Protein backbone atom coordinates (compact mmCIF):
# COMPACT_ATOMS: atom_id res chain seq x y z
CA MET A 1 -68.39 33.22 108.58
CA ARG A 2 -69.51 34.52 111.95
CA LEU A 3 -73.16 35.95 112.05
CA ARG A 4 -71.87 39.37 113.17
CA THR A 5 -69.65 39.39 110.19
CA GLN A 6 -72.44 38.49 107.92
CA VAL A 7 -74.46 41.15 109.58
CA LEU A 8 -71.77 43.78 109.19
CA LEU A 9 -71.56 42.91 105.65
CA LEU A 10 -75.29 43.03 104.96
CA GLN A 11 -75.57 46.51 106.65
CA LEU A 12 -72.75 47.85 104.51
CA ALA A 13 -74.51 46.34 101.34
CA VAL A 14 -77.75 47.85 102.23
CA ILE A 15 -76.08 51.34 102.96
CA ALA A 16 -74.16 51.03 99.55
CA VAL A 17 -77.29 50.37 97.50
CA SER A 18 -79.30 52.84 99.24
CA LEU A 19 -76.96 55.57 98.59
CA VAL A 20 -76.30 54.61 94.97
CA VAL A 21 -79.99 54.65 94.22
CA GLY A 22 -80.62 57.71 96.03
CA PHE A 23 -77.69 59.76 94.82
CA GLY A 24 -78.24 58.23 91.51
CA VAL A 25 -81.80 59.70 91.24
CA LEU A 26 -80.32 63.04 92.34
CA ILE A 27 -77.70 63.13 90.08
CA ALA A 28 -79.85 62.00 87.16
CA GLY A 29 -81.96 65.03 87.64
CA ALA A 30 -79.29 67.41 88.29
CA ASP A 31 -78.62 68.53 84.68
CA ASP A 32 -82.32 69.41 84.42
CA ARG A 33 -82.47 71.04 87.77
CA VAL A 34 -79.49 73.39 86.84
CA ARG A 35 -81.02 73.94 83.40
CA ASP A 36 -84.27 74.98 84.85
CA GLU A 37 -82.53 77.20 87.43
CA TYR A 38 -80.61 78.99 84.79
CA ALA A 39 -83.64 79.36 82.59
CA GLN A 40 -85.64 81.15 85.47
CA ARG A 41 -82.62 83.33 86.11
CA ALA A 42 -82.31 84.38 82.38
CA LEU A 43 -86.24 84.93 82.44
CA ALA A 44 -85.91 87.28 85.41
CA ILE A 45 -83.08 89.23 83.93
CA ALA A 46 -85.08 89.67 80.59
CA GLN A 47 -88.23 90.70 82.50
CA SER A 48 -86.20 93.36 84.51
CA VAL A 49 -84.78 94.62 81.35
CA ALA A 50 -88.08 94.83 79.58
CA GLY A 51 -89.66 96.74 82.37
CA ASP A 52 -87.15 99.65 82.27
CA ALA A 53 -88.79 102.77 80.67
CA GLU A 54 -85.75 103.91 78.71
CA VAL A 55 -85.59 100.64 77.08
CA ARG A 56 -89.22 100.64 76.17
CA SER A 57 -88.92 104.08 74.50
CA GLU A 58 -85.89 103.31 72.92
CA VAL A 59 -87.24 100.10 71.50
CA ALA A 60 -90.45 101.85 70.41
CA ALA A 61 -88.39 104.36 68.57
CA HIS A 62 -86.79 101.88 66.10
CA PRO A 63 -89.53 100.02 64.45
CA GLY A 64 -89.50 98.38 61.21
CA SER A 65 -86.93 96.72 59.10
CA SER A 66 -85.04 99.95 58.13
CA VAL A 67 -82.53 100.41 61.18
CA ASP A 68 -79.25 102.22 60.86
CA ALA A 69 -76.77 99.95 62.66
CA ALA A 70 -74.16 102.82 63.14
CA ASP A 71 -76.90 104.67 65.41
CA LEU A 72 -77.24 101.67 67.39
CA LEU A 73 -73.59 101.20 67.88
CA ASP A 74 -73.22 103.74 70.45
CA GLY A 75 -76.77 104.03 71.47
CA PRO A 76 -78.34 103.44 74.70
CA LEU A 77 -79.67 100.27 74.23
CA GLN A 78 -76.23 98.83 73.37
CA ARG A 79 -74.69 100.41 76.49
CA GLN A 80 -77.42 99.07 78.96
CA ALA A 81 -77.19 95.78 77.39
CA ALA A 82 -73.67 95.44 77.98
CA GLU A 83 -73.89 96.62 81.51
CA VAL A 84 -76.47 94.21 82.22
CA ARG A 85 -74.48 91.20 80.70
CA ALA A 86 -71.40 92.18 82.67
CA ARG A 87 -73.41 92.46 85.90
CA THR A 88 -75.34 89.15 85.49
CA GLY A 89 -72.55 86.86 83.75
CA ALA A 90 -75.14 85.94 80.92
CA LEU A 91 -73.80 85.03 77.56
CA PHE A 92 -75.93 87.63 75.83
CA VAL A 93 -78.43 90.26 76.28
CA VAL A 94 -80.20 90.81 72.92
CA VAL A 95 -82.79 93.65 72.22
CA GLY A 96 -84.98 93.13 69.11
CA ASN A 97 -87.86 95.24 67.61
CA ASP A 98 -91.14 94.34 66.28
CA ARG A 99 -89.65 92.86 63.14
CA GLY A 100 -86.93 90.80 64.80
CA ILE A 101 -84.30 93.30 63.99
CA ARG A 102 -81.39 93.26 66.55
CA LEU A 103 -81.17 96.57 68.42
CA ALA A 104 -78.69 95.38 70.74
CA HIS A 105 -76.07 92.57 70.52
CA PRO A 106 -72.80 91.49 72.19
CA GLU A 107 -71.40 91.61 68.86
CA PRO A 108 -71.60 94.96 66.92
CA ALA A 109 -71.46 93.24 63.46
CA GLU A 110 -74.91 91.82 64.24
CA LEU A 111 -76.67 95.02 64.84
CA GLY A 112 -79.45 95.67 62.40
CA LYS A 113 -79.76 92.11 61.40
CA THR A 114 -82.64 89.60 61.88
CA VAL A 115 -82.27 87.34 65.06
CA SER A 116 -81.05 83.82 64.22
CA THR A 117 -84.02 82.19 66.04
CA ASP A 118 -87.88 82.46 65.49
CA PRO A 119 -89.31 85.48 67.67
CA SER A 120 -92.93 84.86 66.42
CA LYS A 121 -93.94 83.59 70.08
CA VAL A 122 -92.57 86.44 72.07
CA LEU A 123 -93.96 89.13 69.46
CA ALA A 124 -97.14 87.53 69.95
CA GLY A 125 -96.81 88.67 73.70
CA SER A 126 -95.73 85.25 75.35
CA ASN A 127 -92.61 84.53 77.24
CA ASP A 128 -90.55 81.92 75.37
CA VAL A 129 -87.86 79.88 77.44
CA ASN A 130 -86.01 77.20 75.78
CA THR A 131 -82.67 75.86 74.88
CA ASP A 132 -81.42 76.86 71.41
CA ARG A 133 -78.43 77.56 69.26
CA GLY A 134 -77.68 81.01 67.90
CA THR A 135 -74.80 83.07 66.61
CA LEU A 136 -72.91 82.77 70.02
CA GLY A 137 -73.68 78.99 70.37
CA GLU A 138 -76.09 76.79 72.23
CA SER A 139 -77.62 78.54 75.22
CA VAL A 140 -80.61 78.31 77.61
CA ARG A 141 -82.41 81.49 76.65
CA ALA A 142 -85.60 83.44 77.80
CA LYS A 143 -87.43 85.88 75.64
CA VAL A 144 -89.75 88.49 77.15
CA PRO A 145 -91.76 91.01 74.98
CA VAL A 146 -91.51 94.75 75.36
CA TYR A 147 -94.49 96.74 75.43
CA GLY A 148 -94.99 100.27 74.22
CA ALA A 149 -97.01 103.13 75.81
CA ASP A 150 -100.23 101.99 74.10
CA GLY A 151 -99.66 98.34 75.37
CA ALA A 152 -98.65 96.99 72.12
CA VAL A 153 -95.78 94.82 71.57
CA VAL A 154 -92.95 96.84 70.21
CA GLY A 155 -90.05 94.32 70.50
CA PHE A 156 -88.52 91.81 72.91
CA ILE A 157 -85.49 91.02 75.07
CA SER A 158 -83.58 87.81 74.75
CA VAL A 159 -81.19 86.81 77.58
CA GLY A 160 -79.03 83.67 77.29
CA VAL A 161 -76.83 81.36 79.38
CA SER A 162 -74.38 79.30 77.91
CA THR A 163 -74.94 75.47 78.10
CA GLU A 164 -71.00 75.02 78.70
CA ARG A 165 -71.47 77.01 82.06
CA LEU A 166 -74.69 74.88 82.70
CA GLY A 167 -72.56 71.71 82.19
CA SER A 168 -69.76 72.82 84.55
CA GLU A 169 -72.23 73.61 87.16
CA THR A 170 -73.66 70.14 86.87
CA ARG A 171 -70.33 68.51 87.10
CA SER A 172 -69.64 70.43 90.38
CA ASP A 173 -73.04 69.26 91.66
CA ILE A 174 -72.30 65.70 90.76
CA ILE A 175 -68.73 65.85 92.44
CA ALA A 176 -70.03 67.38 95.61
CA THR A 177 -73.04 64.76 95.71
CA SER A 178 -70.57 61.76 95.24
CA LEU A 179 -68.60 62.96 97.92
CA LEU A 180 -71.47 63.05 100.39
CA ALA A 181 -72.38 59.78 99.48
CA LEU A 182 -69.03 58.43 100.11
CA ALA A 183 -68.94 60.10 103.25
CA ALA A 184 -72.27 58.79 104.26
CA LEU A 185 -71.02 55.18 103.17
CA GLY A 186 -67.85 55.60 105.41
CA ILE A 187 -70.16 56.89 108.32
CA GLY A 188 -72.32 53.73 107.93
CA ALA A 189 -69.43 51.35 107.88
CA VAL A 190 -68.05 52.76 110.99
CA GLY A 191 -71.43 52.63 112.66
CA SER A 192 -72.03 49.11 111.60
CA ALA A 193 -68.32 48.03 112.86
CA LEU A 194 -69.14 49.70 116.16
CA LEU A 195 -72.49 47.78 116.32
CA ALA A 196 -70.76 44.54 115.46
CA ARG A 197 -68.19 45.29 118.35
CA ARG A 198 -71.07 45.94 120.79
CA TRP A 199 -72.75 43.00 119.84
CA ARG A 200 -69.55 40.96 120.36
CA ARG A 201 -69.22 42.35 123.98
CA LEU A 202 -72.87 41.78 124.77
CA THR A 203 -72.95 38.35 123.73
CA LEU A 204 -69.51 37.54 125.09
CA GLY A 205 -68.26 36.47 121.69
CA LEU A 206 -70.57 33.61 121.45
CA GLU A 207 -72.56 32.99 118.26
CA PRO A 208 -76.30 32.80 118.19
CA ASP A 209 -76.51 28.92 117.89
CA GLU A 210 -73.77 28.86 120.83
CA LEU A 211 -76.16 31.12 122.97
CA ALA A 212 -79.14 29.01 122.25
CA GLU A 213 -77.33 25.91 123.30
CA LEU A 214 -76.15 27.61 126.38
CA VAL A 215 -79.56 28.92 127.15
CA ARG A 216 -81.00 25.23 126.97
CA GLU A 217 -78.17 23.64 128.90
CA GLN A 218 -78.72 26.41 131.59
CA GLY A 219 -82.26 25.70 131.88
CA ALA A 220 -81.70 21.97 132.09
CA VAL A 221 -79.07 22.36 134.81
CA LEU A 222 -80.88 25.28 136.83
CA HIS A 223 -84.21 23.48 136.98
CA SER A 224 -82.47 19.98 137.84
CA MET A 225 -80.52 21.17 140.92
CA ALA A 226 -81.33 20.33 144.46
CA ASP A 227 -80.60 23.90 145.50
CA GLY A 228 -82.35 27.10 144.75
CA VAL A 229 -80.76 29.59 142.48
CA LEU A 230 -81.79 33.40 142.11
CA ALA A 231 -79.77 35.66 139.87
CA VAL A 232 -80.40 39.45 139.47
CA ASP A 233 -78.54 41.81 137.35
CA ALA A 234 -76.61 44.94 138.21
CA GLU A 235 -80.03 47.10 138.42
CA GLY A 236 -81.56 44.46 140.84
CA ILE A 237 -84.05 43.00 138.10
CA VAL A 238 -84.46 38.95 138.28
CA ARG A 239 -82.95 37.47 135.32
CA VAL A 240 -82.97 33.74 136.51
CA VAL A 241 -84.83 31.90 139.29
CA ASN A 242 -85.26 28.07 139.20
CA ASP A 243 -88.32 26.05 140.39
CA LYS A 244 -86.46 25.15 143.54
CA ALA A 245 -85.90 28.87 144.60
CA ARG A 246 -89.43 29.64 143.91
CA GLY A 247 -90.70 26.97 146.21
CA LEU A 248 -88.01 27.75 149.10
CA LEU A 249 -88.52 31.52 148.86
CA ASP A 250 -92.34 31.57 148.06
CA ILE A 251 -91.51 33.53 144.77
CA ASP A 252 -94.47 33.92 142.42
CA ALA A 253 -93.29 36.92 140.46
CA PRO A 254 -91.75 36.25 136.94
CA VAL A 255 -88.36 36.98 135.68
CA GLY A 256 -87.97 40.71 134.95
CA THR A 257 -89.56 41.58 138.28
CA PRO A 258 -87.40 44.01 140.66
CA ALA A 259 -85.89 42.05 143.52
CA ALA A 260 -87.46 44.52 146.02
CA ASP A 261 -90.96 43.42 144.69
CA LEU A 262 -90.40 39.56 145.29
CA GLY A 263 -91.42 39.85 149.03
CA LEU A 264 -88.35 38.33 150.32
CA THR A 265 -87.84 38.22 154.09
CA PRO A 266 -85.46 40.84 155.37
CA ARG A 267 -82.69 38.43 156.11
CA VAL A 268 -82.77 37.05 152.57
CA ALA A 269 -82.98 40.34 151.02
CA ALA A 270 -79.94 41.44 152.89
CA VAL A 271 -77.96 38.32 151.55
CA LEU A 272 -79.08 39.20 148.26
CA ALA A 273 -77.91 42.89 148.40
CA THR A 274 -74.52 42.23 149.75
CA PRO A 275 -72.22 39.30 148.96
CA THR A 276 -72.18 36.83 151.64
CA GLU A 277 -70.01 33.79 150.99
CA GLU A 278 -70.73 32.07 154.42
CA PRO A 279 -74.30 30.60 154.23
CA LEU A 280 -76.85 32.25 156.77
CA ALA A 281 -79.78 30.45 158.08
CA ALA A 282 -83.10 32.21 157.49
CA SER A 283 -86.79 31.19 157.97
CA VAL A 284 -89.20 31.58 155.06
CA GLY A 285 -92.67 30.68 156.06
CA GLU A 286 -92.44 27.15 157.60
CA ARG A 287 -89.06 26.41 156.10
CA VAL A 288 -85.50 27.26 157.23
CA VAL A 289 -83.00 27.60 154.57
CA LEU A 290 -79.30 28.52 154.33
CA VAL A 291 -78.69 31.29 151.78
CA SER A 292 -75.39 32.65 150.36
CA SER A 293 -74.64 35.02 147.52
CA HIS A 294 -71.79 36.21 145.42
CA ARG A 295 -71.20 38.99 142.90
CA VAL A 296 -70.80 37.97 139.37
CA ARG A 297 -68.13 39.92 136.94
CA ALA A 298 -67.00 39.35 133.51
CA ASP A 299 -64.53 41.43 131.32
CA GLY A 300 -64.55 44.01 134.24
CA ARG A 301 -68.36 44.37 134.19
CA ASP A 302 -70.74 43.86 136.98
CA LEU A 303 -73.23 41.27 135.93
CA GLY A 304 -75.36 41.25 139.17
CA MET A 305 -75.52 38.84 142.09
CA VAL A 306 -76.39 35.04 142.48
CA LEU A 307 -78.19 33.74 145.41
CA SER A 308 -77.88 30.08 146.40
CA VAL A 309 -80.65 28.65 148.46
CA ILE A 310 -80.41 25.39 150.44
CA ASP A 311 -83.32 23.68 152.20
CA ARG A 312 -82.52 23.02 155.88
CA THR A 313 -85.92 22.47 157.15
CA ASP A 314 -85.42 18.53 157.66
CA VAL A 315 -82.02 19.25 159.34
CA GLU A 316 -83.55 21.61 161.70
CA ALA A 317 -86.39 19.40 162.80
CA LEU A 318 -83.61 16.47 163.13
CA SER A 319 -81.58 18.96 165.24
CA ARG A 320 -84.39 19.65 167.47
CA GLU A 321 -84.95 15.91 167.95
CA VAL A 322 -81.18 15.34 168.56
CA ASP A 323 -81.35 18.25 171.19
CA SER A 324 -84.05 16.60 172.98
CA ILE A 325 -82.39 13.40 173.10
CA ARG A 326 -79.14 15.19 174.11
CA SER A 327 -80.92 16.70 177.13
CA MET A 328 -82.31 13.18 178.10
CA SER A 329 -78.82 11.75 177.87
CA THR A 330 -77.34 14.56 179.95
CA ALA A 331 -80.04 13.87 182.58
CA LEU A 332 -79.22 10.13 182.45
CA ARG A 333 -75.62 10.78 182.79
CA ALA A 334 -75.96 13.13 185.66
CA GLN A 335 -78.53 10.80 187.43
CA ARG A 336 -75.90 7.87 186.74
CA HIS A 337 -73.25 9.71 188.61
CA GLU A 338 -75.60 10.72 191.31
CA THR A 339 -76.90 7.03 191.79
CA ALA A 340 -73.47 5.58 191.89
CA ASN A 341 -72.42 8.09 194.46
CA ARG A 342 -75.50 7.54 196.75
CA LEU A 343 -74.80 3.73 196.64
CA HIS A 344 -71.16 4.28 197.73
CA VAL A 345 -72.52 6.43 200.59
CA LEU A 346 -74.91 3.80 201.57
CA ALA A 347 -72.38 0.95 201.20
CA GLY A 348 -70.11 2.82 203.59
CA LEU A 349 -72.73 3.67 206.03
CA LEU A 350 -74.11 0.06 206.26
CA ARG A 351 -70.62 -1.34 206.19
CA HIS A 352 -69.69 0.54 209.43
CA GLY A 353 -73.15 -0.24 211.11
CA HIS A 354 -74.44 3.17 211.04
CA ALA A 355 -77.83 2.03 210.11
CA ASP A 356 -79.92 5.26 211.35
CA GLU A 357 -77.57 7.38 209.13
CA ALA A 358 -78.42 5.24 206.11
CA LEU A 359 -82.10 5.48 206.59
CA ALA A 360 -81.91 9.28 206.86
CA TYR A 361 -79.70 9.37 203.82
CA LEU A 362 -82.27 7.07 201.91
CA ASP A 363 -85.25 9.52 202.87
CA GLU A 364 -82.97 12.38 201.51
CA VAL A 365 -82.38 10.70 198.22
CA THR A 366 -86.02 9.50 197.73
CA GLY A 367 -87.19 13.15 198.14
CA THR A 368 -88.87 12.61 201.62
CA GLY A 369 -86.16 14.35 203.43
CA PRO A 370 -84.93 17.94 202.84
CA GLY A 371 -82.92 18.72 199.79
CA GLY A 372 -83.51 15.34 198.28
CA ALA A 373 -85.20 16.42 195.11
CA LEU A 374 -83.16 17.81 192.24
CA LEU A 375 -85.91 20.29 190.98
CA ALA A 376 -88.43 21.04 193.77
CA GLY A 377 -92.12 20.94 192.53
CA LEU A 378 -91.32 18.52 189.68
CA ASP A 379 -93.89 16.28 191.00
CA ASN A 380 -96.58 19.03 189.92
CA VAL A 381 -95.38 18.15 186.25
CA ARG A 382 -97.32 14.84 185.48
CA GLU A 383 -96.78 14.83 181.80
CA PRO A 384 -94.08 12.33 181.07
CA HIS A 385 -92.21 14.21 178.37
CA LEU A 386 -92.29 17.53 180.18
CA HIS A 387 -91.13 15.73 183.64
CA ALA A 388 -88.17 14.23 182.11
CA PHE A 389 -87.23 17.19 179.92
CA LEU A 390 -87.29 19.66 183.01
CA ASP A 391 -85.29 17.17 185.07
CA ALA A 392 -82.72 17.15 182.36
CA LYS A 393 -82.68 20.96 181.94
CA ALA A 394 -82.18 21.16 185.95
CA ALA A 395 -79.25 18.64 185.56
CA GLN A 396 -77.81 20.75 182.67
CA ALA A 397 -78.22 23.95 184.50
CA ARG A 398 -76.38 22.69 187.56
CA GLU A 399 -73.46 21.77 185.35
CA ARG A 400 -73.52 25.53 184.13
CA ARG A 401 -73.61 26.65 187.97
CA VAL A 402 -77.13 27.77 187.42
CA THR A 403 -80.14 27.04 189.58
CA LEU A 404 -83.24 26.10 187.77
CA ARG A 405 -86.45 26.39 189.66
CA LEU A 406 -90.21 25.73 188.91
CA GLY A 407 -92.66 28.65 189.68
CA ASP A 408 -95.27 27.96 192.43
CA GLN A 409 -98.06 27.95 189.84
CA THR A 410 -96.58 25.20 187.65
CA TRP A 411 -99.03 22.28 187.05
CA VAL A 412 -99.40 20.14 184.02
CA GLU A 413 -101.42 17.08 183.75
CA GLY A 414 -102.27 15.25 180.55
CA VAL A 415 -100.11 14.00 177.53
CA LEU A 416 -98.38 16.13 174.91
CA THR A 417 -99.82 15.69 171.33
CA GLU A 418 -96.78 17.70 170.11
CA PRO A 419 -93.77 16.82 172.10
CA VAL A 420 -91.29 18.07 169.74
CA VAL A 421 -92.91 21.34 169.36
CA VAL A 422 -93.10 22.00 173.20
CA THR A 423 -89.71 20.58 174.02
CA THR A 424 -88.19 22.73 171.45
CA VAL A 425 -90.01 26.08 172.37
CA LEU A 426 -89.44 25.44 176.02
CA GLY A 427 -85.79 24.15 175.57
CA ASN A 428 -84.72 27.21 173.53
CA LEU A 429 -86.46 29.60 176.19
CA VAL A 430 -84.68 27.79 179.03
CA ASP A 431 -81.27 27.47 177.07
CA ASN A 432 -81.38 31.30 176.49
CA GLY A 433 -82.11 31.82 180.26
CA ILE A 434 -79.39 29.50 181.24
CA GLU A 435 -76.95 31.30 178.89
CA ALA A 436 -77.89 34.61 180.45
CA ALA A 437 -77.86 33.52 184.01
CA ALA A 438 -74.56 31.80 183.75
CA GLY A 439 -72.66 34.94 182.80
CA SER A 440 -74.48 37.17 185.11
CA GLY A 441 -72.94 36.33 188.46
CA ALA A 442 -74.87 35.49 191.71
CA PRO A 443 -78.52 36.72 191.81
CA SER A 444 -79.43 39.86 194.07
CA GLY A 445 -79.72 38.56 197.74
CA ALA A 446 -77.47 35.33 197.15
CA ALA A 447 -75.19 34.38 199.87
CA PRO A 448 -71.52 34.55 199.37
CA GLY A 449 -70.17 31.04 198.34
CA ASP A 450 -73.37 29.87 196.74
CA ALA A 451 -72.42 27.00 194.25
CA GLU A 452 -74.69 28.39 191.55
CA SER A 453 -74.06 31.61 190.09
CA GLY A 454 -77.34 32.54 188.45
CA GLU A 455 -80.95 31.49 188.55
CA VAL A 456 -83.61 30.49 185.85
CA GLU A 457 -87.22 30.18 186.80
CA VAL A 458 -89.70 28.23 184.81
CA GLU A 459 -93.47 28.20 185.22
CA VAL A 460 -95.75 25.82 183.23
CA ILE A 461 -99.53 25.96 183.40
CA THR A 462 -102.19 24.62 181.45
CA ASP A 463 -105.62 25.84 180.00
CA GLY A 464 -107.48 23.17 178.54
CA ASP A 465 -105.37 21.97 175.53
CA THR A 466 -103.13 25.19 175.70
CA ILE A 467 -99.78 25.31 177.70
CA LEU A 468 -98.44 28.55 178.91
CA VAL A 469 -94.62 28.74 179.62
CA THR A 470 -92.97 31.66 181.40
CA VAL A 471 -89.19 31.64 181.72
CA GLY A 472 -87.35 34.32 183.47
CA ASP A 473 -83.73 34.70 184.58
CA SER A 474 -81.24 36.48 186.48
CA GLY A 475 -79.16 37.81 183.72
CA PRO A 476 -78.55 41.27 182.37
CA GLY A 477 -81.72 41.63 180.56
CA ILE A 478 -82.37 42.53 176.86
CA SER A 479 -80.02 45.16 175.50
CA PHE A 480 -81.79 45.87 172.13
CA ASP A 481 -83.75 49.35 171.91
CA ASP A 482 -86.77 47.32 170.78
CA PRO A 483 -87.18 44.00 172.99
CA ASP A 484 -89.04 42.26 169.83
CA ASP A 485 -85.69 42.58 167.97
CA VAL A 486 -84.50 39.52 169.96
CA PHE A 487 -86.82 37.60 167.62
CA ALA A 488 -85.25 38.76 164.37
CA GLU A 489 -83.13 36.54 162.36
CA GLY A 490 -79.50 36.81 163.04
CA ALA A 491 -80.03 38.98 166.39
CA THR A 492 -77.56 37.59 168.95
CA THR A 493 -75.32 38.80 171.82
CA LYS A 494 -73.35 35.56 171.82
CA THR A 495 -69.72 35.24 170.61
CA GLY A 496 -67.57 32.33 170.53
CA ALA A 497 -66.98 29.39 168.01
CA HIS A 498 -68.49 29.74 164.51
CA VAL A 499 -71.80 28.09 164.09
CA PRO A 500 -72.80 26.71 160.59
CA GLY A 501 -75.51 29.01 159.18
CA GLY A 502 -74.88 31.79 161.80
CA ARG A 503 -76.17 32.40 165.29
CA GLY A 504 -79.37 34.16 166.08
CA MET A 505 -81.57 31.67 164.86
CA GLY A 506 -82.97 30.15 168.23
CA LEU A 507 -85.58 32.52 169.41
CA ALA A 508 -86.54 33.34 165.79
CA LEU A 509 -87.51 29.74 165.27
CA THR A 510 -89.16 29.76 168.57
CA ARG A 511 -91.54 32.22 167.71
CA GLN A 512 -91.94 30.74 164.11
CA ILE A 513 -92.92 27.37 165.56
CA GLY A 514 -95.21 28.89 168.11
CA ARG A 515 -97.10 31.09 165.59
CA ARG A 516 -97.27 28.03 163.16
CA ILE A 517 -99.46 26.23 165.65
CA GLY A 518 -101.66 29.39 166.22
CA GLY A 519 -99.76 30.46 169.22
CA ASP A 520 -97.17 33.07 169.91
CA VAL A 521 -93.88 33.89 171.76
CA TRP A 522 -93.23 37.40 173.12
CA VAL A 523 -91.17 39.37 175.77
CA ALA A 524 -93.12 40.03 179.02
CA ASP A 525 -90.19 41.92 180.59
CA ARG A 526 -86.97 43.17 179.10
CA GLY A 527 -85.22 43.14 182.58
CA GLY A 528 -82.02 44.89 183.13
CA ARG A 529 -83.11 47.14 186.07
CA PRO A 530 -82.08 47.10 189.74
CA CYS A 531 -84.17 44.66 191.87
CA GLY A 532 -84.76 43.62 195.35
CA ASP A 533 -83.45 40.86 197.15
CA GLY A 534 -84.47 37.24 195.74
CA GLN A 535 -86.00 38.68 192.72
CA LEU A 536 -84.85 37.84 188.86
CA CYS A 537 -83.84 41.03 187.35
CA GLY A 538 -83.36 39.50 183.78
CA ALA A 539 -85.71 39.03 180.82
CA VAL A 540 -89.02 37.35 181.01
CA PHE A 541 -90.35 35.34 178.13
CA VAL A 542 -93.91 33.93 177.65
CA ALA A 543 -94.98 31.25 175.16
CA ARG A 544 -98.62 30.18 174.66
CA LEU A 545 -98.91 26.89 172.78
CA PRO A 546 -102.65 25.95 171.90
CA GLY A 547 -103.69 22.43 170.85
CA VAL A 548 -100.57 20.62 172.22
CA LEU A 549 -101.96 18.71 175.44
CA ALA A 550 -104.58 15.81 175.49
CA PRO A 551 -106.30 14.54 178.69
CA THR A 552 -105.04 11.70 180.63
CA ASP A 553 -106.64 8.37 179.77
CA PRO A 554 -109.26 7.95 182.53
CA ALA A 555 -108.47 4.18 182.78
CA GLY A 556 -105.26 4.93 184.35
CA SER A 557 -105.83 8.01 186.31
CA GLY A 558 -106.97 6.08 189.51
CA ALA A 559 -103.41 4.60 189.75
CA ASP A 560 -101.76 7.87 188.77
CA GLU A 561 -103.54 9.84 191.20
CA SER A 562 -103.55 7.47 194.28
CA GLY A 563 -99.98 6.57 193.89
CA GLY A 564 -98.34 3.24 194.84
CA ALA A 565 -100.69 2.57 197.76
CA ASP A 566 -103.96 2.02 195.65
CA GLU A 567 -101.94 0.04 193.16
CA PHE A 568 -100.64 -2.36 196.04
CA SER A 569 -104.24 -2.54 197.31
CA GLU A 570 -105.50 -3.92 194.07
CA THR A 571 -103.23 -6.98 194.55
CA ASP A 572 -103.85 -7.47 198.20
CA GLU A 573 -106.34 -9.65 199.67
CA PRO A 574 -109.93 -8.57 200.04
CA GLY A 575 -109.36 -7.52 203.54
CA GLY A 576 -108.41 -4.17 202.70
CA PRO A 577 -104.82 -2.38 202.70
CA SER A 578 -102.33 -3.41 205.15
């Protein structure tokens, strides 16, 4: 038998027993209650008759045992007793004198005779209420003394109600009480059935042992999952959260806490509030996660939302390293093409005997001639990672028809202690600048027919172990009302192919990385205004990255600073450099 059926039967049994006991006690006392009620009614009738002045005078006028019944037959006492009996429905109204002789009686033949019950108590001045049998049968009767003018008892009034009428009233009360009990039992049965039905709906038709097993299995599965799971009900109250979700979303609140009080980031909170089947990337502290959500419904009812959380931190770190490697490979590919082309040119010039032109071309490609360097000022960047990285970005920019140039104040000397951090921040800022400049057309003041359609200026300077990066472009500027919104998760103006996790994470991660090491990234100029010739009218971003640069090893500084001549002189003969 299912538990809900057992509970239903138990409820019905409890209701039935309660009704039987309660109404049984009520019915058992019904006879006594009705009997007492009629006795009090008879007493009230007798007292009202005994208090009548005419009755008192007439009773006082017929003392003793010698009473003429003929005079009483049509006397005032007989008439008044009959009227009272007719009005009240009493079985009898009897008037007796001080010797117990009847002065009024429903049966005229009994007039002048002694009453059938003992009147001594009432003639002694006390009310007498009891159940007794007289000439008219068994009745509940009340006897009240009648006082004369001098205060002495001159007679009594006896009023009775038939016990047959009392039994009829008792039976009516029992029937009414029983009907009420049956009605209460029926209402209780209906209520119990409705409760059982609601129970079944709330438990989805599962038995308690099935629910317990389901909870155990759910706990085991949820806490063993590699992904985080957060579930809230239709009112937004947290009902399930596994350990993985607590770690990824930094949740300390217990189950039962409103979702608004969990301290979720705006992007994660938005995904939890709106069903989002496509995973979106979001940053939580130092982690990058993919979040998605869906609404749960059962039997047409909204049960709430379930949020899935996947850790993407390691993937993002690998992606940044892959981006760095891709930039390097892009630079190497560009250099390979340029080297091959230069060798072909040299081979052709030498083959045709143009030695002077070949020497001039060598000066050009080695940077000693005009236009030989791919990125002017790159020699001011003596840190190997940044040198190679900026060279690669210059080649990448040229492929996008964008000119990348270094600012006049650029100077970097030392060794990066956090090369991935610096190249990630710098790379994201440069990539955004190239993206903006590539679609903006030629910068203001550019000559018609220029090969490049936009410009990006990068300035990198150092202050102790801190690197300051400034990136400006010739793009249209920032279109958001608040320039700081570009750092919000999901904020993007790009369109195109779908990107797993969604767009708009580059600048958000850039600022997050900068702040994680104690620095920051901000917008110095939102751009988008008219500007003069040669100026960059796009946005300008600034990054401050502390603690990422270490000084160059002094042992190698002489060779680095003096160039190839000093290095050659160390191997030359003591006579000095040639």
